[in-house]
Amino acid sequence: MQQELFGPPPSPPLSTLDTSPLDGLRLKLERKIDHKKGCCRNFAIVRGGRGPHAAELKCAGCGKHRGWLPHFTANWLLTMLAFFPEAKSDVHTIRDRKKCP
């Protein structure tokens, strides 16, 4: 009935993170929140984002949600992987953004 009223659900965009080079990237989390409320060893795996988020960060040990990857950071990582594709196998560190004085 609902499908008859509203039509089929829209298909996901072709550029979802599940097909992105970022999917599966390993990150070391060194944000303030990770020092206060850490999980396992504070390593995360990048997974597909939802809604306005570029990507989700999942704990590499237990799979628990650890946060969202900002679009700015995702774009920077994509640019880096375009120039250095072998960096996909490295572990990268995510820290809090420092405010300029």
N, C-alpha and C. Protein backbone atom coordinates (compact mmCIF):
# COMPACT_ATOMS: atom_id res chain seq x y z
N MET A 1 0.80 -1.19 0.00
CA MET A 1 0.00 0.00 0.00
C MET A 1 0.85 1.26 0.00
N GLN A 2 1.86 1.32 0.89
CA GLN A 2 2.69 2.50 0.98
C GLN A 2 3.48 2.73 -0.31
N GLN A 3 3.97 1.65 -0.89
CA GLN A 3 4.72 1.77 -2.13
C GLN A 3 3.82 2.27 -3.26
N GLU A 4 2.57 1.89 -3.24
CA GLU A 4 1.63 2.38 -4.25
C GLU A 4 1.40 3.88 -4.11
N LEU A 5 1.37 4.36 -2.86
CA LEU A 5 1.12 5.79 -2.62
C LEU A 5 2.35 6.65 -2.92
N PHE A 6 3.52 6.18 -2.50
CA PHE A 6 4.71 7.02 -2.58
C PHE A 6 5.72 6.56 -3.63
N GLY A 7 5.50 5.44 -4.24
CA GLY A 7 6.45 4.93 -5.22
C GLY A 7 7.58 4.18 -4.54
N PRO A 8 8.49 3.60 -5.32
CA PRO A 8 9.59 2.85 -4.73
C PRO A 8 10.55 3.78 -4.00
N PRO A 9 11.24 3.27 -2.99
CA PRO A 9 12.20 4.11 -2.28
C PRO A 9 13.35 4.49 -3.22
N PRO A 10 13.92 5.66 -3.02
CA PRO A 10 15.02 6.08 -3.90
C PRO A 10 16.22 5.16 -3.72
N SER A 11 16.91 4.91 -4.80
CA SER A 11 18.12 4.08 -4.70
C SER A 11 19.24 4.91 -4.12
N PRO A 12 20.16 4.28 -3.40
CA PRO A 12 21.25 5.03 -2.79
C PRO A 12 22.15 5.64 -3.87
N PRO A 13 22.80 6.75 -3.56
CA PRO A 13 23.68 7.35 -4.56
C PRO A 13 24.85 6.44 -4.88
N LEU A 14 25.37 6.57 -6.08
CA LEU A 14 26.48 5.71 -6.50
C LEU A 14 27.75 5.99 -5.73
N SER A 15 27.84 7.16 -5.15
CA SER A 15 29.07 7.53 -4.46
C SER A 15 29.00 7.29 -2.97
N THR A 16 28.32 6.23 -2.54
CA THR A 16 28.27 5.93 -1.11
C THR A 16 29.63 5.47 -0.64
N LEU A 17 29.85 5.60 0.67
CA LEU A 17 31.16 5.27 1.22
C LEU A 17 31.45 3.79 1.15
N ASP A 18 30.43 2.95 1.00
CA ASP A 18 30.66 1.50 0.92
C ASP A 18 31.51 1.16 -0.30
N THR A 19 31.49 1.99 -1.32
CA THR A 19 32.31 1.77 -2.51
C THR A 19 33.51 2.71 -2.53
N SER A 20 33.69 3.46 -1.47
CA SER A 20 34.76 4.45 -1.39
C SER A 20 36.07 3.80 -0.95
N PRO A 21 37.19 4.39 -1.32
CA PRO A 21 38.48 3.89 -0.83
C PRO A 21 38.62 4.03 0.68
N LEU A 22 37.80 4.85 1.32
CA LEU A 22 37.91 5.02 2.77
C LEU A 22 37.33 3.85 3.54
N ASP A 23 36.44 3.09 2.96
CA ASP A 23 35.81 1.98 3.66
C ASP A 23 36.87 0.97 4.10
N GLY A 24 36.93 0.72 5.41
CA GLY A 24 37.90 -0.22 5.95
C GLY A 24 39.20 0.41 6.41
N LEU A 25 39.36 1.72 6.20
CA LEU A 25 40.57 2.41 6.62
C LEU A 25 40.68 2.35 8.14
N ARG A 26 41.87 2.13 8.65
CA ARG A 26 42.09 2.02 10.10
C ARG A 26 42.59 3.35 10.65
N LEU A 27 41.98 3.78 11.77
CA LEU A 27 42.35 5.04 12.39
C LEU A 27 42.66 4.85 13.86
N LYS A 28 43.68 5.54 14.34
CA LYS A 28 43.98 5.60 15.78
C LYS A 28 43.28 6.85 16.29
N LEU A 29 42.43 6.70 17.29
CA LEU A 29 41.65 7.82 17.82
C LEU A 29 42.37 8.45 19.00
N GLU A 30 42.76 9.70 18.85
CA GLU A 30 43.44 10.43 19.92
C GLU A 30 42.73 11.75 20.19
N ARG A 31 41.40 11.68 20.23
CA ARG A 31 40.62 12.86 20.56
C ARG A 31 40.44 12.92 22.07
N LYS A 32 40.06 14.08 22.60
CA LYS A 32 39.86 14.21 24.05
C LYS A 32 38.86 13.19 24.57
N ILE A 33 37.78 13.01 23.83
CA ILE A 33 36.74 12.07 24.27
C ILE A 33 37.27 10.64 24.33
N ASP A 34 38.24 10.32 23.47
CA ASP A 34 38.79 8.96 23.47
C ASP A 34 39.71 8.72 24.66
N HIS A 35 40.30 9.78 25.20
CA HIS A 35 41.11 9.64 26.41
C HIS A 35 40.23 9.53 27.65
N LYS A 36 39.07 10.22 27.61
CA LYS A 36 38.16 10.18 28.75
C LYS A 36 37.31 8.91 28.75
N LYS A 37 36.76 8.56 27.59
CA LYS A 37 35.86 7.40 27.47
C LYS A 37 36.33 6.52 26.33
N GLY A 38 37.47 5.91 26.50
CA GLY A 38 38.04 5.07 25.45
C GLY A 38 37.29 3.75 25.30
N CYS A 39 37.60 3.07 24.22
CA CYS A 39 36.98 1.78 23.94
C CYS A 39 38.09 0.85 23.43
N CYS A 40 38.20 -0.29 24.01
CA CYS A 40 39.24 -1.27 23.64
C CYS A 40 40.59 -0.55 23.59
N ARG A 41 41.21 -0.44 22.43
CA ARG A 41 42.52 0.23 22.33
C ARG A 41 42.45 1.51 21.51
N ASN A 42 41.26 2.06 21.34
CA ASN A 42 41.04 3.31 20.60
C ASN A 42 41.48 3.25 19.14
N PHE A 43 41.26 2.12 18.51
CA PHE A 43 41.43 2.00 17.06
C PHE A 43 40.05 1.87 16.45
N ALA A 44 39.85 2.53 15.31
CA ALA A 44 38.55 2.50 14.65
C ALA A 44 38.69 2.12 13.18
N ILE A 45 37.61 1.59 12.64
CA ILE A 45 37.52 1.24 11.22
C ILE A 45 36.48 2.18 10.61
N VAL A 46 36.79 2.74 9.45
CA VAL A 46 35.86 3.64 8.76
C VAL A 46 34.82 2.80 8.03
N ARG A 47 33.55 3.14 8.26
CA ARG A 47 32.43 2.48 7.59
C ARG A 47 31.53 3.54 6.97
N GLY A 48 30.59 3.12 6.16
CA GLY A 48 29.69 4.04 5.46
C GLY A 48 28.94 4.96 6.40
N GLY A 49 28.80 6.22 6.00
CA GLY A 49 28.10 7.21 6.80
C GLY A 49 26.60 7.16 6.56
N ARG A 50 25.88 7.90 7.37
CA ARG A 50 24.43 8.01 7.24
C ARG A 50 24.05 9.48 7.28
N GLY A 51 23.06 9.82 6.51
CA GLY A 51 22.56 11.19 6.53
C GLY A 51 23.65 12.19 6.18
N PRO A 52 23.85 13.19 7.04
CA PRO A 52 24.82 14.23 6.73
C PRO A 52 26.27 13.84 7.04
N HIS A 53 26.50 12.65 7.55
CA HIS A 53 27.84 12.25 7.97
C HIS A 53 28.62 11.60 6.82
N ALA A 54 29.90 11.95 6.73
CA ALA A 54 30.75 11.39 5.68
C ALA A 54 31.00 9.90 5.92
N ALA A 55 31.22 9.53 7.18
CA ALA A 55 31.52 8.14 7.50
C ALA A 55 31.30 7.90 8.99
N GLU A 56 31.14 6.64 9.33
CA GLU A 56 31.02 6.24 10.72
C GLU A 56 32.32 5.61 11.16
N LEU A 57 32.70 5.85 12.40
CA LEU A 57 33.88 5.22 12.99
C LEU A 57 33.41 4.13 13.94
N LYS A 58 33.81 2.89 13.66
CA LYS A 58 33.44 1.74 14.50
C LYS A 58 34.69 1.22 15.19
N CYS A 59 34.56 0.83 16.45
CA CYS A 59 35.68 0.27 17.20
C CYS A 59 36.21 -0.97 16.48
N ALA A 60 37.53 -1.02 16.32
CA ALA A 60 38.14 -2.16 15.63
C ALA A 60 38.06 -3.43 16.49
N GLY A 61 37.92 -3.27 17.81
CA GLY A 61 37.88 -4.43 18.69
C GLY A 61 36.50 -5.02 18.86
N CYS A 62 35.51 -4.16 19.16
CA CYS A 62 34.19 -4.68 19.49
C CYS A 62 33.08 -4.23 18.54
N GLY A 63 33.37 -3.31 17.62
CA GLY A 63 32.38 -2.87 16.65
C GLY A 63 31.45 -1.77 17.15
N LYS A 64 31.69 -1.25 18.35
CA LYS A 64 30.86 -0.20 18.93
C LYS A 64 31.05 1.12 18.16
N HIS A 65 29.98 1.91 18.07
CA HIS A 65 30.06 3.22 17.42
C HIS A 65 31.00 4.12 18.20
N ARG A 66 31.98 4.73 17.51
CA ARG A 66 32.96 5.61 18.17
C ARG A 66 32.85 7.05 17.72
N GLY A 67 32.04 7.34 16.71
CA GLY A 67 31.88 8.72 16.29
C GLY A 67 31.65 8.80 14.79
N TRP A 68 31.69 10.03 14.29
CA TRP A 68 31.47 10.30 12.88
C TRP A 68 32.70 10.97 12.30
N LEU A 69 33.02 10.66 11.05
CA LEU A 69 34.14 11.27 10.37
C LEU A 69 33.63 12.52 9.64
N PRO A 70 34.19 13.70 9.96
CA PRO A 70 33.74 14.92 9.29
C PRO A 70 34.05 14.90 7.79
N HIS A 71 33.23 15.61 7.02
CA HIS A 71 33.45 15.68 5.57
C HIS A 71 34.82 16.25 5.25
N PHE A 72 35.26 17.26 6.00
CA PHE A 72 36.57 17.86 5.76
C PHE A 72 37.68 16.81 5.87
N THR A 73 37.62 16.00 6.91
CA THR A 73 38.63 14.96 7.13
C THR A 73 38.52 13.87 6.07
N ALA A 74 37.30 13.48 5.73
CA ALA A 74 37.11 12.46 4.70
C ALA A 74 37.67 12.92 3.37
N ASN A 75 37.42 14.18 3.00
CA ASN A 75 37.96 14.71 1.74
C ASN A 75 39.48 14.75 1.76
N TRP A 76 40.05 15.12 2.90
CA TRP A 76 41.52 15.14 3.02
C TRP A 76 42.09 13.72 2.85
N LEU A 77 41.47 12.76 3.51
CA LEU A 77 41.94 11.37 3.39
C LEU A 77 41.80 10.85 1.96
N LEU A 78 40.70 11.20 1.29
CA LEU A 78 40.52 10.77 -0.11
C LEU A 78 41.60 11.37 -1.01
N THR A 79 41.94 12.64 -0.79
CA THR A 79 43.00 13.28 -1.57
C THR A 79 44.34 12.60 -1.32
N MET A 80 44.62 12.30 -0.06
CA MET A 80 45.87 11.62 0.28
C MET A 80 45.95 10.25 -0.39
N LEU A 81 44.83 9.50 -0.36
CA LEU A 81 44.83 8.17 -0.97
C LEU A 81 44.93 8.24 -2.50
N ALA A 82 44.47 9.35 -3.09
CA ALA A 82 44.61 9.50 -4.54
C ALA A 82 46.08 9.61 -4.93
N PHE A 83 46.88 10.26 -4.10
CA PHE A 83 48.31 10.41 -4.38
C PHE A 83 49.13 9.24 -3.85
N PHE A 84 48.71 8.66 -2.74
CA PHE A 84 49.44 7.57 -2.10
C PHE A 84 48.50 6.40 -1.80
N PRO A 85 48.09 5.63 -2.82
CA PRO A 85 47.12 4.55 -2.59
C PRO A 85 47.61 3.47 -1.62
N GLU A 86 48.92 3.32 -1.51
CA GLU A 86 49.45 2.31 -0.58
C GLU A 86 49.21 2.70 0.87
N ALA A 87 48.86 3.97 1.13
CA ALA A 87 48.58 4.43 2.50
C ALA A 87 47.30 3.82 3.05
N LYS A 88 46.52 3.16 2.23
CA LYS A 88 45.28 2.50 2.68
C LYS A 88 45.58 1.44 3.74
N SER A 89 46.76 0.83 3.65
CA SER A 89 47.11 -0.22 4.60
C SER A 89 47.74 0.32 5.89
N ASP A 90 48.00 1.63 5.95
CA ASP A 90 48.58 2.24 7.15
C ASP A 90 47.49 2.59 8.15
N VAL A 91 47.92 2.82 9.39
CA VAL A 91 47.01 3.32 10.42
C VAL A 91 47.24 4.82 10.53
N HIS A 92 46.15 5.60 10.43
CA HIS A 92 46.23 7.05 10.49
C HIS A 92 45.64 7.53 11.81
N THR A 93 46.11 8.67 12.29
CA THR A 93 45.69 9.20 13.59
C THR A 93 44.71 10.35 13.41
N ILE A 94 43.65 10.33 14.20
CA ILE A 94 42.65 11.40 14.21
C ILE A 94 42.73 12.08 15.57
N ARG A 95 42.94 13.40 15.55
CA ARG A 95 42.98 14.19 16.78
C ARG A 95 41.94 15.30 16.70
N ASP A 96 41.69 15.94 17.84
CA ASP A 96 40.80 17.10 17.85
C ASP A 96 41.45 18.22 17.05
N ARG A 97 40.58 19.04 16.46
CA ARG A 97 41.05 20.19 15.70
C ARG A 97 41.50 21.28 16.66
N LYS A 98 42.68 21.84 16.41
CA LYS A 98 43.17 22.92 17.27
C LYS A 98 42.61 24.24 16.77
N LYS A 99 42.21 25.09 17.69
CA LYS A 99 41.69 26.40 17.33
C LYS A 99 42.85 27.38 17.20
N CYS A 100 42.79 28.17 16.16
CA CYS A 100 43.81 29.19 15.94
C CYS A 100 43.57 30.36 16.90
N PRO A 101 44.66 30.96 17.41
CA PRO A 101 44.48 32.09 18.34
C PRO A 101 43.93 33.31 17.65
